[in-house]
């Protein structure tokens, strides 16, 4: 439907909107402003990806709102579950956990978040995207290209820096000699918060992050046997 630069700008716009939503939710929940998300900049990529997927796969279902609602729930839930699983495997940490919520699947997704996904999908295709596309169509093509390139470079650099910061969580957790998940997680948060501003930002963004200690304990036992 759109050219590559338009898709990327849509991704960044919705990622920014998602960041705004997260800020509002956290302001209500924690009574303070928290720079949410894994990245340093004011955007949450998972919202960008979810929105782009909805636009790409579901634009032909605008005349069937119920189908659109259900499929938007389905697409975004798969995205959230997959993101949780991959992040956990790479960094050995559970960054969010819905285990205490009803109707959850492995603590990665739950009905309470799936319903807003469906509502959000409808809002994107019926309200937000037509307005955003109209806005982008008013920008000259060359200017859109330059803007997309600048934002892409910023996004790539942010990902590289943030990946290194997040990787420190795994490294620090593997060096801590405790048997309690809560103790390890608390210690890791304290260490990362004291090491750098970016580490502190990450821990503030995910105050409930939990280190996974099974692999660490297993490795220690294997070393002791040797």
N, C-alpha and C. Protein backbone atom coordinates (compact mmCIF):
# COMPACT_ATOMS: atom_id res chain seq x y z
N UNK A 1 0.82 -1.21 0.00
CA UNK A 1 0.00 0.00 0.00
C UNK A 1 0.86 1.26 0.00
N UNK A 2 1.92 1.27 0.80
CA UNK A 2 2.76 2.45 0.95
C UNK A 2 4.19 2.12 0.55
N UNK A 3 4.99 3.16 0.33
CA UNK A 3 6.41 2.92 0.06
C UNK A 3 7.14 2.69 1.38
N UNK A 4 8.41 2.30 1.27
CA UNK A 4 9.17 1.88 2.44
C UNK A 4 9.31 2.99 3.47
N UNK A 5 9.58 4.20 3.02
CA UNK A 5 9.77 5.30 3.98
C UNK A 5 8.49 5.64 4.72
N UNK A 6 7.35 5.49 4.04
CA UNK A 6 6.07 5.74 4.70
C UNK A 6 5.80 4.69 5.77
N UNK A 7 6.10 3.41 5.44
CA UNK A 7 5.94 2.35 6.43
C UNK A 7 6.81 2.61 7.66
N UNK A 8 8.04 3.04 7.43
CA UNK A 8 8.93 3.27 8.56
C UNK A 8 8.45 4.46 9.39
N UNK A 9 8.00 5.50 8.74
CA UNK A 9 7.48 6.66 9.48
C UNK A 9 6.23 6.28 10.27
N UNK A 10 5.39 5.45 9.69
CA UNK A 10 4.22 4.95 10.43
C UNK A 10 4.67 4.17 11.66
N UNK A 11 5.66 3.31 11.47
CA UNK A 11 6.21 2.54 12.58
C UNK A 11 6.69 3.45 13.70
N UNK A 12 7.44 4.49 13.38
CA UNK A 12 7.99 5.40 14.39
C UNK A 12 6.88 6.22 15.06
N UNK A 13 5.91 6.64 14.28
CA UNK A 13 4.80 7.43 14.85
C UNK A 13 4.01 6.60 15.85
N UNK A 14 3.67 5.37 15.47
CA UNK A 14 2.90 4.52 16.39
C UNK A 14 3.74 4.07 17.58
N UNK A 15 5.04 3.91 17.37
CA UNK A 15 5.93 3.58 18.50
C UNK A 15 5.96 4.74 19.49
N UNK A 16 5.94 5.96 18.97
CA UNK A 16 5.90 7.14 19.84
C UNK A 16 4.56 7.24 20.57
N UNK A 17 3.47 6.99 19.84
CA UNK A 17 2.14 7.01 20.47
C UNK A 17 2.07 5.96 21.57
N UNK A 18 2.65 4.77 21.31
CA UNK A 18 2.69 3.72 22.32
C UNK A 18 3.46 4.14 23.55
N UNK A 19 4.55 4.87 23.34
CA UNK A 19 5.35 5.38 24.46
C UNK A 19 4.53 6.36 25.29
N UNK A 20 3.77 7.23 24.61
CA UNK A 20 2.90 8.18 25.31
C UNK A 20 1.87 7.43 26.16
N UNK A 21 1.27 6.39 25.58
CA UNK A 21 0.28 5.58 26.32
C UNK A 21 0.91 4.97 27.56
N UNK A 22 2.12 4.41 27.41
CA UNK A 22 2.83 3.81 28.54
C UNK A 22 3.11 4.84 29.62
N UNK A 23 3.48 6.04 29.21
CA UNK A 23 3.77 7.11 30.18
C UNK A 23 2.52 7.48 30.98
N UNK A 24 1.40 7.55 30.29
CA UNK A 24 0.14 7.89 30.96
C UNK A 24 -0.25 6.80 31.95
N UNK A 25 -0.14 5.53 31.52
CA UNK A 25 -0.48 4.40 32.39
C UNK A 25 0.41 4.39 33.63
N UNK A 26 1.70 4.61 33.43
CA UNK A 26 2.63 4.60 34.56
C UNK A 26 2.44 5.80 35.48
N UNK A 27 2.03 6.92 34.90
CA UNK A 27 1.76 8.10 35.72
C UNK A 27 0.58 7.83 36.64
N UNK A 28 -0.42 7.13 36.11
CA UNK A 28 -1.59 6.78 36.92
C UNK A 28 -1.24 5.70 37.94
N UNK A 29 -0.44 4.70 37.51
CA UNK A 29 -0.12 3.56 38.37
C UNK A 29 0.90 3.90 39.44
N UNK A 30 2.02 4.52 39.04
CA UNK A 30 3.13 4.77 39.96
C UNK A 30 3.21 6.22 40.44
N UNK A 31 2.34 7.08 39.92
CA UNK A 31 2.31 8.50 40.31
C UNK A 31 3.60 9.22 39.97
N UNK A 32 4.28 8.77 38.94
CA UNK A 32 5.50 9.45 38.50
C UNK A 32 5.76 9.11 37.03
N UNK A 33 6.57 9.96 36.39
CA UNK A 33 6.90 9.75 34.99
C UNK A 33 8.07 8.79 34.89
N UNK A 34 7.92 7.74 34.07
CA UNK A 34 8.95 6.72 33.87
C UNK A 34 9.16 6.55 32.37
N UNK A 35 10.41 6.62 31.94
CA UNK A 35 10.72 6.41 30.53
C UNK A 35 10.63 4.92 30.24
N UNK A 36 9.45 4.48 29.83
CA UNK A 36 9.21 3.04 29.64
C UNK A 36 9.85 2.54 28.35
N UNK A 37 9.99 1.24 28.28
CA UNK A 37 10.51 0.61 27.07
C UNK A 37 11.97 0.22 27.20
N UNK A 38 12.42 -0.63 26.30
CA UNK A 38 13.79 -1.10 26.31
C UNK A 38 14.75 -0.07 25.72
N UNK A 39 14.24 0.80 24.88
CA UNK A 39 15.10 1.78 24.21
C UNK A 39 15.12 3.10 24.95
N UNK A 40 16.17 3.87 24.66
CA UNK A 40 16.37 5.14 25.37
C UNK A 40 15.40 6.21 24.88
N UNK A 41 15.17 6.25 23.59
CA UNK A 41 14.33 7.29 23.00
C UNK A 41 12.87 7.15 23.36
N UNK A 42 12.08 8.18 23.03
CA UNK A 42 10.65 8.18 23.37
C UNK A 42 9.82 7.37 22.38
N UNK A 43 10.03 6.07 22.38
CA UNK A 43 9.24 5.20 21.51
C UNK A 43 9.30 3.78 22.05
N UNK A 44 8.23 3.04 21.85
CA UNK A 44 8.14 1.63 22.23
C UNK A 44 7.90 0.82 20.96
N UNK A 45 8.95 0.18 20.43
CA UNK A 45 8.85 -0.50 19.13
C UNK A 45 7.73 -1.52 19.03
N UNK A 46 7.39 -2.19 20.14
CA UNK A 46 6.36 -3.22 20.07
C UNK A 46 5.02 -2.63 19.61
N UNK A 47 4.76 -1.37 19.98
CA UNK A 47 3.55 -0.70 19.51
C UNK A 47 3.67 -0.40 18.02
N UNK A 48 4.87 -0.02 17.59
CA UNK A 48 5.08 0.26 16.18
C UNK A 48 4.89 -0.98 15.33
N UNK A 49 5.49 -2.09 15.76
CA UNK A 49 5.35 -3.33 15.03
C UNK A 49 3.89 -3.79 15.00
N UNK A 50 3.24 -3.75 16.15
CA UNK A 50 1.84 -4.17 16.22
C UNK A 50 0.95 -3.36 15.31
N UNK A 51 1.15 -2.05 15.29
CA UNK A 51 0.33 -1.17 14.46
C UNK A 51 0.57 -1.42 12.98
N UNK A 52 1.84 -1.58 12.60
CA UNK A 52 2.17 -1.84 11.20
C UNK A 52 1.59 -3.18 10.75
N UNK A 53 1.68 -4.19 11.60
CA UNK A 53 1.10 -5.50 11.26
C UNK A 53 -0.41 -5.38 11.06
N UNK A 54 -1.06 -4.64 11.95
CA UNK A 54 -2.51 -4.47 11.85
C UNK A 54 -2.88 -3.77 10.54
N UNK A 55 -2.16 -2.70 10.22
CA UNK A 55 -2.44 -1.95 8.99
C UNK A 55 -2.22 -2.84 7.77
N UNK A 56 -1.11 -3.58 7.78
CA UNK A 56 -0.74 -4.39 6.61
C UNK A 56 -1.69 -5.57 6.40
N UNK A 57 -1.99 -6.28 7.49
CA UNK A 57 -2.76 -7.52 7.36
C UNK A 57 -4.28 -7.32 7.45
N UNK A 58 -4.72 -6.25 8.12
CA UNK A 58 -6.15 -6.14 8.42
C UNK A 58 -6.85 -4.97 7.74
N UNK A 59 -6.16 -4.24 6.86
CA UNK A 59 -6.80 -3.07 6.24
C UNK A 59 -8.02 -3.45 5.41
N UNK A 60 -8.08 -4.68 4.94
CA UNK A 60 -9.21 -5.11 4.10
C UNK A 60 -10.42 -5.55 4.93
N UNK A 61 -10.30 -5.50 6.27
CA UNK A 61 -11.40 -5.94 7.14
C UNK A 61 -12.13 -4.77 7.81
N UNK A 62 -11.96 -3.57 7.30
CA UNK A 62 -12.57 -2.41 7.95
C UNK A 62 -14.10 -2.44 7.88
N UNK A 63 -14.65 -3.21 6.96
CA UNK A 63 -16.11 -3.33 6.87
C UNK A 63 -16.65 -4.44 7.77
N UNK A 64 -15.73 -5.13 8.46
CA UNK A 64 -16.13 -6.20 9.38
C UNK A 64 -15.50 -5.93 10.75
N UNK A 65 -16.07 -5.03 11.53
CA UNK A 65 -15.45 -4.58 12.79
C UNK A 65 -15.22 -5.70 13.81
N UNK A 66 -16.13 -6.67 13.88
CA UNK A 66 -15.96 -7.76 14.85
C UNK A 66 -14.75 -8.62 14.46
N UNK A 67 -14.66 -8.95 13.17
CA UNK A 67 -13.52 -9.73 12.68
C UNK A 67 -12.23 -8.94 12.91
N UNK A 68 -12.27 -7.66 12.62
CA UNK A 68 -11.10 -6.80 12.82
C UNK A 68 -10.67 -6.79 14.27
N UNK A 69 -11.63 -6.66 15.18
CA UNK A 69 -11.35 -6.64 16.62
C UNK A 69 -10.67 -7.93 17.06
N UNK A 70 -11.24 -9.06 16.66
CA UNK A 70 -10.70 -10.37 17.07
C UNK A 70 -9.31 -10.60 16.48
N UNK A 71 -9.13 -10.28 15.22
CA UNK A 71 -7.85 -10.52 14.57
C UNK A 71 -6.77 -9.58 15.09
N UNK A 72 -7.14 -8.36 15.45
CA UNK A 72 -6.17 -7.43 16.04
C UNK A 72 -5.71 -7.96 17.39
N UNK A 73 -6.64 -8.50 18.17
CA UNK A 73 -6.29 -9.14 19.45
C UNK A 73 -5.32 -10.28 19.22
N UNK A 74 -5.61 -11.08 18.22
CA UNK A 74 -4.81 -12.27 17.91
C UNK A 74 -3.39 -11.87 17.49
N UNK A 75 -3.27 -10.93 16.57
CA UNK A 75 -1.96 -10.51 16.05
C UNK A 75 -1.10 -9.90 17.15
N UNK A 76 -1.68 -8.99 17.93
CA UNK A 76 -0.91 -8.30 18.96
C UNK A 76 -0.53 -9.24 20.11
N UNK A 77 -1.40 -10.18 20.41
CA UNK A 77 -1.10 -11.14 21.48
C UNK A 77 0.06 -12.05 21.08
N UNK A 78 0.06 -12.48 19.82
CA UNK A 78 1.18 -13.28 19.32
C UNK A 78 2.47 -12.48 19.39
N UNK A 79 2.39 -11.21 19.01
CA UNK A 79 3.58 -10.35 19.05
C UNK A 79 4.10 -10.19 20.47
N UNK A 80 3.20 -9.94 21.43
CA UNK A 80 3.62 -9.75 22.81
C UNK A 80 4.19 -11.04 23.39
N UNK A 81 3.55 -12.16 23.10
CA UNK A 81 4.03 -13.45 23.61
C UNK A 81 5.41 -13.76 23.04
N UNK A 82 5.56 -13.57 21.73
CA UNK A 82 6.84 -13.85 21.07
C UNK A 82 7.94 -12.95 21.59
N UNK A 83 7.63 -11.67 21.79
CA UNK A 83 8.62 -10.72 22.31
C UNK A 83 9.06 -11.13 23.71
N UNK A 84 8.11 -11.49 24.56
CA UNK A 84 8.43 -11.92 25.92
C UNK A 84 9.33 -13.15 25.90
N UNK A 85 8.99 -14.11 25.04
CA UNK A 85 9.75 -15.36 24.96
C UNK A 85 11.18 -15.11 24.48
N UNK A 86 11.33 -14.32 23.42
CA UNK A 86 12.66 -14.06 22.86
C UNK A 86 13.52 -13.27 23.83
N UNK A 87 12.94 -12.23 24.46
CA UNK A 87 13.70 -11.43 25.42
C UNK A 87 14.13 -12.27 26.61
N UNK A 88 13.28 -13.19 27.02
CA UNK A 88 13.61 -14.06 28.15
C UNK A 88 14.76 -15.00 27.79
N UNK A 89 14.72 -15.56 26.58
CA UNK A 89 15.76 -16.49 26.16
C UNK A 89 17.10 -15.79 25.96
N UNK A 90 17.06 -14.59 25.43
CA UNK A 90 18.31 -13.88 25.16
C UNK A 90 18.95 -13.33 26.43
N UNK A 91 18.13 -12.69 27.27
CA UNK A 91 18.67 -11.97 28.42
C UNK A 91 18.44 -12.65 29.75
N UNK A 92 17.81 -13.85 29.72
CA UNK A 92 17.59 -14.62 30.94
C UNK A 92 16.85 -13.81 32.01
N UNK A 93 15.80 -13.14 31.60
CA UNK A 93 15.01 -12.34 32.54
C UNK A 93 13.57 -12.28 32.07
N UNK A 94 12.65 -12.23 33.01
CA UNK A 94 11.22 -12.05 32.71
C UNK A 94 10.91 -10.58 32.92
N UNK A 95 10.70 -9.87 31.80
CA UNK A 95 10.56 -8.41 31.87
C UNK A 95 9.16 -7.97 32.27
N UNK A 96 8.17 -8.77 31.98
CA UNK A 96 6.81 -8.53 32.50
C UNK A 96 6.18 -9.89 32.76
N UNK A 97 5.24 -9.91 33.69
CA UNK A 97 4.66 -11.19 34.11
C UNK A 97 3.20 -10.99 34.48
N UNK A 98 2.32 -11.67 33.78
CA UNK A 98 0.87 -11.59 34.02
C UNK A 98 0.36 -12.81 34.78
N UNK A 99 1.25 -13.51 35.47
CA UNK A 99 0.86 -14.74 36.16
C UNK A 99 -0.24 -14.51 37.20
N UNK A 100 -0.30 -13.32 37.76
CA UNK A 100 -1.31 -13.02 38.78
C UNK A 100 -2.63 -12.54 38.18
N UNK A 101 -2.67 -12.43 36.85
CA UNK A 101 -3.89 -12.02 36.19
C UNK A 101 -4.69 -13.26 35.76
N UNK A 102 -6.01 -13.09 35.70
CA UNK A 102 -6.85 -14.19 35.25
C UNK A 102 -6.70 -14.38 33.74
N UNK A 103 -6.91 -15.61 33.31
CA UNK A 103 -6.89 -15.96 31.88
C UNK A 103 -5.59 -15.54 31.21
N UNK A 104 -4.47 -15.91 31.83
CA UNK A 104 -3.16 -15.62 31.23
C UNK A 104 -2.58 -16.89 30.61
N UNK A 105 -1.65 -16.71 29.70
CA UNK A 105 -0.95 -17.83 29.07
C UNK A 105 0.53 -17.71 29.41
N UNK A 106 0.98 -18.59 30.32
CA UNK A 106 2.38 -18.62 30.76
C UNK A 106 2.87 -17.28 31.30
N UNK A 107 1.95 -16.45 31.74
CA UNK A 107 2.32 -15.15 32.30
C UNK A 107 2.78 -14.14 31.26
N UNK A 108 2.74 -14.51 29.98
CA UNK A 108 3.25 -13.63 28.93
C UNK A 108 2.16 -12.73 28.34
N UNK A 109 0.95 -13.25 28.24
CA UNK A 109 -0.18 -12.46 27.78
C UNK A 109 -1.38 -12.80 28.65
N UNK A 110 -2.36 -11.92 28.68
CA UNK A 110 -3.58 -12.18 29.44
C UNK A 110 -4.75 -11.47 28.79
N UNK A 111 -5.94 -11.88 29.15
CA UNK A 111 -7.15 -11.32 28.56
C UNK A 111 -7.27 -9.83 28.81
N UNK A 112 -6.79 -9.38 29.96
CA UNK A 112 -6.90 -7.97 30.32
C UNK A 112 -6.13 -7.06 29.37
N UNK A 113 -5.07 -7.58 28.77
CA UNK A 113 -4.31 -6.79 27.78
C UNK A 113 -4.77 -7.08 26.36
N UNK A 114 -5.35 -8.26 26.13
CA UNK A 114 -5.77 -8.62 24.79
C UNK A 114 -6.95 -7.78 24.31
N UNK A 115 -7.88 -7.49 25.21
CA UNK A 115 -9.04 -6.68 24.82
C UNK A 115 -8.63 -5.28 24.35
N UNK A 116 -7.75 -4.58 25.08
CA UNK A 116 -7.28 -3.28 24.57
C UNK A 116 -6.59 -3.39 23.22
N UNK A 117 -5.93 -4.52 22.95
CA UNK A 117 -5.31 -4.73 21.64
C UNK A 117 -6.37 -4.66 20.54
N UNK A 118 -7.50 -5.32 20.78
CA UNK A 118 -8.57 -5.31 19.80
C UNK A 118 -9.15 -3.92 19.60
N UNK A 119 -9.36 -3.22 20.70
CA UNK A 119 -9.88 -1.85 20.63
C UNK A 119 -8.88 -0.95 19.91
N UNK A 120 -7.61 -1.12 20.26
CA UNK A 120 -6.56 -0.32 19.63
C UNK A 120 -6.47 -0.56 18.14
N UNK A 121 -6.62 -1.83 17.73
CA UNK A 121 -6.59 -2.16 16.30
C UNK A 121 -7.69 -1.45 15.54
N UNK A 122 -8.88 -1.43 16.11
CA UNK A 122 -10.01 -0.73 15.48
C UNK A 122 -9.75 0.78 15.43
N UNK A 123 -9.21 1.33 16.51
CA UNK A 123 -8.92 2.76 16.55
C UNK A 123 -7.88 3.15 15.51
N UNK A 124 -6.90 2.28 15.30
CA UNK A 124 -5.86 2.55 14.31
C UNK A 124 -6.45 2.65 12.91
N UNK A 125 -7.23 1.64 12.52
CA UNK A 125 -7.72 1.60 11.14
C UNK A 125 -8.89 2.55 10.87
N UNK A 126 -9.70 2.81 11.89
CA UNK A 126 -10.85 3.67 11.68
C UNK A 126 -10.56 5.15 11.93
N UNK A 127 -9.61 5.44 12.82
CA UNK A 127 -9.40 6.84 13.22
C UNK A 127 -7.97 7.31 12.96
N UNK A 128 -7.00 6.65 13.61
CA UNK A 128 -5.62 7.17 13.62
C UNK A 128 -4.96 7.13 12.25
N UNK A 129 -5.00 5.98 11.59
CA UNK A 129 -4.22 5.84 10.35
C UNK A 129 -4.69 6.76 9.23
N UNK A 130 -5.99 6.92 9.02
CA UNK A 130 -6.40 7.89 7.98
C UNK A 130 -5.87 9.29 8.25
N UNK A 131 -5.88 9.71 9.52
CA UNK A 131 -5.38 11.04 9.86
C UNK A 131 -3.87 11.14 9.64
N UNK A 132 -3.14 10.12 10.07
CA UNK A 132 -1.68 10.13 9.93
C UNK A 132 -1.27 10.10 8.47
N UNK A 133 -1.95 9.28 7.66
CA UNK A 133 -1.63 9.20 6.24
C UNK A 133 -1.90 10.54 5.55
N UNK A 134 -2.99 11.19 5.92
CA UNK A 134 -3.28 12.51 5.36
C UNK A 134 -2.19 13.50 5.72
N UNK A 135 -1.71 13.42 6.95
CA UNK A 135 -0.63 14.31 7.40
C UNK A 135 0.65 14.04 6.62
N UNK A 136 1.01 12.76 6.49
CA UNK A 136 2.24 12.40 5.78
C UNK A 136 2.17 12.76 4.29
N UNK A 137 0.97 12.70 3.72
CA UNK A 137 0.82 13.03 2.30
C UNK A 137 1.07 14.51 2.02
N UNK A 138 1.01 15.32 3.06
CA UNK A 138 1.27 16.76 2.91
C UNK A 138 2.76 17.09 2.94
N UNK A 139 3.58 16.12 3.33
CA UNK A 139 5.03 16.34 3.41
C UNK A 139 5.66 15.97 2.08
N UNK A 140 6.50 16.84 1.51
CA UNK A 140 7.17 16.52 0.24
C UNK A 140 7.97 15.22 0.34
N UNK A 141 8.02 14.49 -0.77
CA UNK A 141 8.66 13.18 -0.79
C UNK A 141 10.12 13.23 -0.34
N UNK A 142 10.88 14.23 -0.81
CA UNK A 142 12.29 14.34 -0.43
C UNK A 142 12.44 14.57 1.06
N UNK A 143 11.58 15.41 1.63
CA UNK A 143 11.63 15.68 3.06
C UNK A 143 11.30 14.43 3.87
N UNK A 144 10.33 13.66 3.38
CA UNK A 144 10.00 12.40 4.06
C UNK A 144 11.17 11.43 4.02
N UNK A 145 11.87 11.40 2.90
CA UNK A 145 13.03 10.52 2.78
C UNK A 145 14.11 10.91 3.77
N UNK A 146 14.41 12.20 3.84
CA UNK A 146 15.44 12.69 4.77
C UNK A 146 15.04 12.41 6.21
N UNK A 147 13.78 12.67 6.53
CA UNK A 147 13.27 12.42 7.88
C UNK A 147 13.37 10.95 8.24
N UNK A 148 13.00 10.08 7.30
CA UNK A 148 13.04 8.64 7.54
C UNK A 148 14.47 8.16 7.77
N UNK A 149 15.43 8.69 6.98
CA UNK A 149 16.83 8.30 7.13
C UNK A 149 17.37 8.72 8.49
N UNK A 150 17.09 9.96 8.89
CA UNK A 150 17.56 10.47 10.18
C UNK A 150 16.99 9.64 11.33
N UNK A 151 15.69 9.40 11.28
CA UNK A 151 15.05 8.61 12.34
C UNK A 151 15.58 7.18 12.36
N UNK A 152 15.85 6.62 11.18
CA UNK A 152 16.36 5.26 11.10
C UNK A 152 17.74 5.16 11.74
N UNK A 153 18.61 6.13 11.47
CA UNK A 153 19.95 6.13 12.06
C UNK A 153 19.87 6.26 13.58
N UNK A 154 19.01 7.15 14.05
CA UNK A 154 18.83 7.31 15.50
C UNK A 154 18.32 6.02 16.11
N UNK A 155 17.37 5.38 15.44
CA UNK A 155 16.76 4.14 15.94
C UNK A 155 17.79 3.02 16.01
N UNK A 156 18.63 2.89 14.98
CA UNK A 156 19.65 1.84 14.96
C UNK A 156 20.66 2.05 16.08
N UNK A 157 21.14 3.28 16.24
CA UNK A 157 22.11 3.59 17.30
C UNK A 157 21.50 3.31 18.67
N UNK A 158 20.26 3.71 18.85
CA UNK A 158 19.55 3.47 20.11
C UNK A 158 19.47 1.98 20.41
N UNK A 159 19.16 1.18 19.39
CA UNK A 159 19.06 -0.27 19.58
C UNK A 159 20.40 -0.87 20.00
N UNK A 160 21.48 -0.42 19.38
CA UNK A 160 22.80 -0.96 19.69
C UNK A 160 23.20 -0.62 21.13
N UNK A 161 23.00 0.64 21.52
CA UNK A 161 23.35 1.07 22.87
C UNK A 161 22.47 0.38 23.90
N UNK A 162 21.18 0.33 23.64
CA UNK A 162 20.24 -0.26 24.59
C UNK A 162 20.46 -1.76 24.73
N UNK A 163 20.81 -2.43 23.62
CA UNK A 163 21.08 -3.86 23.67
C UNK A 163 22.24 -4.14 24.62
N UNK A 164 23.28 -3.31 24.54
CA UNK A 164 24.44 -3.48 25.42
C UNK A 164 24.04 -3.28 26.89
N UNK A 165 23.19 -2.29 27.14
CA UNK A 165 22.74 -2.02 28.51
C UNK A 165 21.91 -3.19 29.04
N UNK A 166 20.99 -3.70 28.22
CA UNK A 166 20.15 -4.82 28.64
C UNK A 166 20.98 -6.08 28.85
N UNK A 167 22.00 -6.26 28.01
CA UNK A 167 22.86 -7.44 28.13
C UNK A 167 23.59 -7.45 29.47
N UNK A 168 23.81 -6.27 30.03
CA UNK A 168 24.46 -6.19 31.35
C UNK A 168 23.63 -6.85 32.43
N UNK A 169 22.31 -6.87 32.25
CA UNK A 169 21.44 -7.52 33.23
C UNK A 169 21.80 -9.00 33.34
N UNK A 170 21.95 -9.64 32.19
CA UNK A 170 22.31 -11.06 32.16
C UNK A 170 23.69 -11.28 32.75
N UNK A 171 24.65 -10.41 32.40
CA UNK A 171 26.02 -10.58 32.88
C UNK A 171 26.10 -10.43 34.40
N UNK A 172 25.43 -9.40 34.92
CA UNK A 172 25.46 -9.15 36.37
C UNK A 172 24.77 -10.28 37.11
N UNK A 173 23.61 -10.72 36.59
CA UNK A 173 22.85 -11.79 37.25
C UNK A 173 23.66 -13.08 37.33
N UNK A 174 24.48 -13.35 36.33
CA UNK A 174 25.24 -14.60 36.31
C UNK A 174 26.39 -14.61 37.32
N UNK A 175 26.73 -13.42 37.85
CA UNK A 175 27.84 -13.35 38.81
C UNK A 175 27.37 -13.33 40.26
N UNK A 176 26.07 -13.20 40.47
CA UNK A 176 25.55 -13.08 41.84
C UNK A 176 25.27 -14.46 42.41
N UNK A 177 25.80 -14.73 43.58
CA UNK A 177 25.67 -16.05 44.22
C UNK A 177 24.56 -16.05 45.26
N UNK A 178 23.34 -16.14 44.78
CA UNK A 178 22.18 -16.26 45.66
C UNK A 178 21.23 -17.27 45.04
N UNK A 179 20.38 -17.87 45.87
CA UNK A 179 19.48 -18.91 45.38
C UNK A 179 18.04 -18.43 45.20
N UNK A 180 17.76 -17.22 45.60
CA UNK A 180 16.41 -16.69 45.48
C UNK A 180 16.30 -15.77 44.27
N UNK A 181 15.27 -15.99 43.45
CA UNK A 181 15.04 -15.14 42.29
C UNK A 181 14.89 -13.69 42.70
N UNK A 182 14.15 -13.46 43.78
CA UNK A 182 13.91 -12.10 44.24
C UNK A 182 15.20 -11.45 44.72
N UNK A 183 16.03 -12.21 45.42
CA UNK A 183 17.30 -11.67 45.91
C UNK A 183 18.22 -11.31 44.76
N UNK A 184 18.31 -12.21 43.77
CA UNK A 184 19.15 -11.93 42.61
C UNK A 184 18.64 -10.71 41.86
N UNK A 185 17.34 -10.66 41.61
CA UNK A 185 16.75 -9.55 40.86
C UNK A 185 16.98 -8.23 41.58
N UNK A 186 16.81 -8.23 42.89
CA UNK A 186 17.00 -7.02 43.68
C UNK A 186 18.45 -6.56 43.62
N UNK A 187 19.37 -7.51 43.70
CA UNK A 187 20.79 -7.18 43.66
C UNK A 187 21.18 -6.65 42.28
N UNK A 188 20.68 -7.30 41.24
CA UNK A 188 20.98 -6.86 39.88
C UNK A 188 20.47 -5.45 39.64
N UNK A 189 19.24 -5.16 40.08
CA UNK A 189 18.69 -3.82 39.92
C UNK A 189 19.56 -2.79 40.62
N UNK A 190 20.04 -3.15 41.81
CA UNK A 190 20.88 -2.22 42.58
C UNK A 190 22.21 -1.97 41.87
N UNK A 191 22.82 -3.06 41.36
CA UNK A 191 24.12 -2.93 40.69
C UNK A 191 24.00 -2.11 39.41
N UNK A 192 23.02 -2.44 38.56
CA UNK A 192 22.86 -1.72 37.30
C UNK A 192 22.49 -0.26 37.52
N UNK A 193 21.68 0.00 38.53
CA UNK A 193 21.27 1.38 38.82
C UNK A 193 22.46 2.23 39.25
N UNK A 194 23.44 1.59 39.89
CA UNK A 194 24.61 2.33 40.38
C UNK A 194 25.71 2.47 39.33
N UNK A 195 25.66 1.63 38.27
CA UNK A 195 26.74 1.61 37.29
C UNK A 195 26.64 2.75 36.28
N UNK A 196 25.42 3.08 35.85
CA UNK A 196 25.27 4.11 34.82
C UNK A 196 23.86 4.69 34.83
N UNK A 197 23.72 5.82 34.20
CA UNK A 197 22.41 6.46 34.08
C UNK A 197 21.47 5.60 33.23
N UNK A 198 22.03 4.99 32.19
CA UNK A 198 21.21 4.15 31.31
C UNK A 198 20.76 2.88 32.02
N UNK A 199 21.64 2.32 32.86
CA UNK A 199 21.25 1.15 33.65
C UNK A 199 20.14 1.49 34.63
N UNK A 200 20.25 2.66 35.24
CA UNK A 200 19.21 3.10 36.17
C UNK A 200 17.89 3.33 35.45
N UNK A 201 17.97 3.91 34.23
CA UNK A 201 16.76 4.13 33.45
C UNK A 201 16.06 2.82 33.13
N UNK A 202 16.84 1.80 32.75
CA UNK A 202 16.27 0.51 32.42
C UNK A 202 15.57 -0.12 33.62
N UNK A 203 16.19 -0.04 34.78
CA UNK A 203 15.59 -0.63 35.98
C UNK A 203 14.35 0.14 36.41
N UNK A 204 14.34 1.45 36.20
CA UNK A 204 13.14 2.23 36.50
C UNK A 204 12.02 1.90 35.52
N UNK A 205 12.41 1.60 34.27
CA UNK A 205 11.42 1.28 33.25
C UNK A 205 10.75 -0.06 33.51
N UNK A 206 11.52 -1.00 34.13
CA UNK A 206 10.98 -2.34 34.41
C UNK A 206 11.23 -2.68 35.88
N UNK A 207 10.48 -2.04 36.78
CA UNK A 207 10.71 -2.26 38.22
C UNK A 207 10.40 -3.68 38.69
N UNK A 208 9.64 -4.42 37.89
CA UNK A 208 9.25 -5.78 38.30
C UNK A 208 10.03 -6.87 37.57
N UNK A 209 11.10 -6.49 36.89
CA UNK A 209 11.87 -7.47 36.14
C UNK A 209 12.44 -8.53 37.09
N UNK A 210 12.39 -9.79 36.64
CA UNK A 210 12.87 -10.90 37.46
C UNK A 210 13.93 -11.69 36.70
N UNK A 211 15.07 -11.89 37.34
CA UNK A 211 16.12 -12.72 36.75
C UNK A 211 15.71 -14.18 36.82
N UNK A 212 16.11 -14.92 35.81
CA UNK A 212 15.85 -16.36 35.81
C UNK A 212 17.10 -17.06 36.32
N UNK A 213 16.97 -17.80 37.42
CA UNK A 213 18.16 -18.32 38.09
C UNK A 213 18.41 -19.80 37.85
N UNK A 214 17.52 -20.45 37.17
CA UNK A 214 17.70 -21.90 36.98
C UNK A 214 19.01 -22.21 36.26
N UNK A 215 19.26 -21.48 35.18
CA UNK A 215 20.46 -21.75 34.40
C UNK A 215 21.72 -21.43 35.19
N UNK A 216 21.66 -20.35 36.00
CA UNK A 216 22.83 -19.97 36.76
C UNK A 216 23.13 -21.02 37.84
N UNK A 217 22.11 -21.46 38.54
CA UNK A 217 22.31 -22.48 39.58
C UNK A 217 22.80 -23.79 38.98
N UNK A 218 22.26 -24.14 37.80
CA UNK A 218 22.66 -25.38 37.16
C UNK A 218 24.14 -25.31 36.75
N UNK A 219 24.55 -24.17 36.22
CA UNK A 219 25.94 -24.01 35.81
C UNK A 219 26.88 -24.08 37.01
N UNK A 220 26.45 -23.49 38.14
CA UNK A 220 27.29 -23.54 39.34
C UNK A 220 27.46 -24.98 39.82
N UNK A 221 26.37 -25.73 39.79
CA UNK A 221 26.44 -27.12 40.24
C UNK A 221 27.37 -27.94 39.35
N UNK A 222 27.30 -27.66 38.02
CA UNK A 222 28.16 -28.38 37.08
C UNK A 222 29.63 -28.07 37.34
N UNK A 223 29.93 -26.79 37.65
CA UNK A 223 31.30 -26.41 37.94
C UNK A 223 31.80 -27.06 39.23
N UNK A 224 30.90 -27.14 40.23
CA UNK A 224 31.29 -27.75 41.49
C UNK A 224 31.60 -29.24 41.32
N UNK A 225 30.86 -29.91 40.43
CA UNK A 225 31.09 -31.31 40.17
C UNK A 225 32.46 -31.54 39.51
N UNK A 226 32.83 -30.59 38.64
CA UNK A 226 34.11 -30.71 37.97
C UNK A 226 35.27 -30.45 38.93
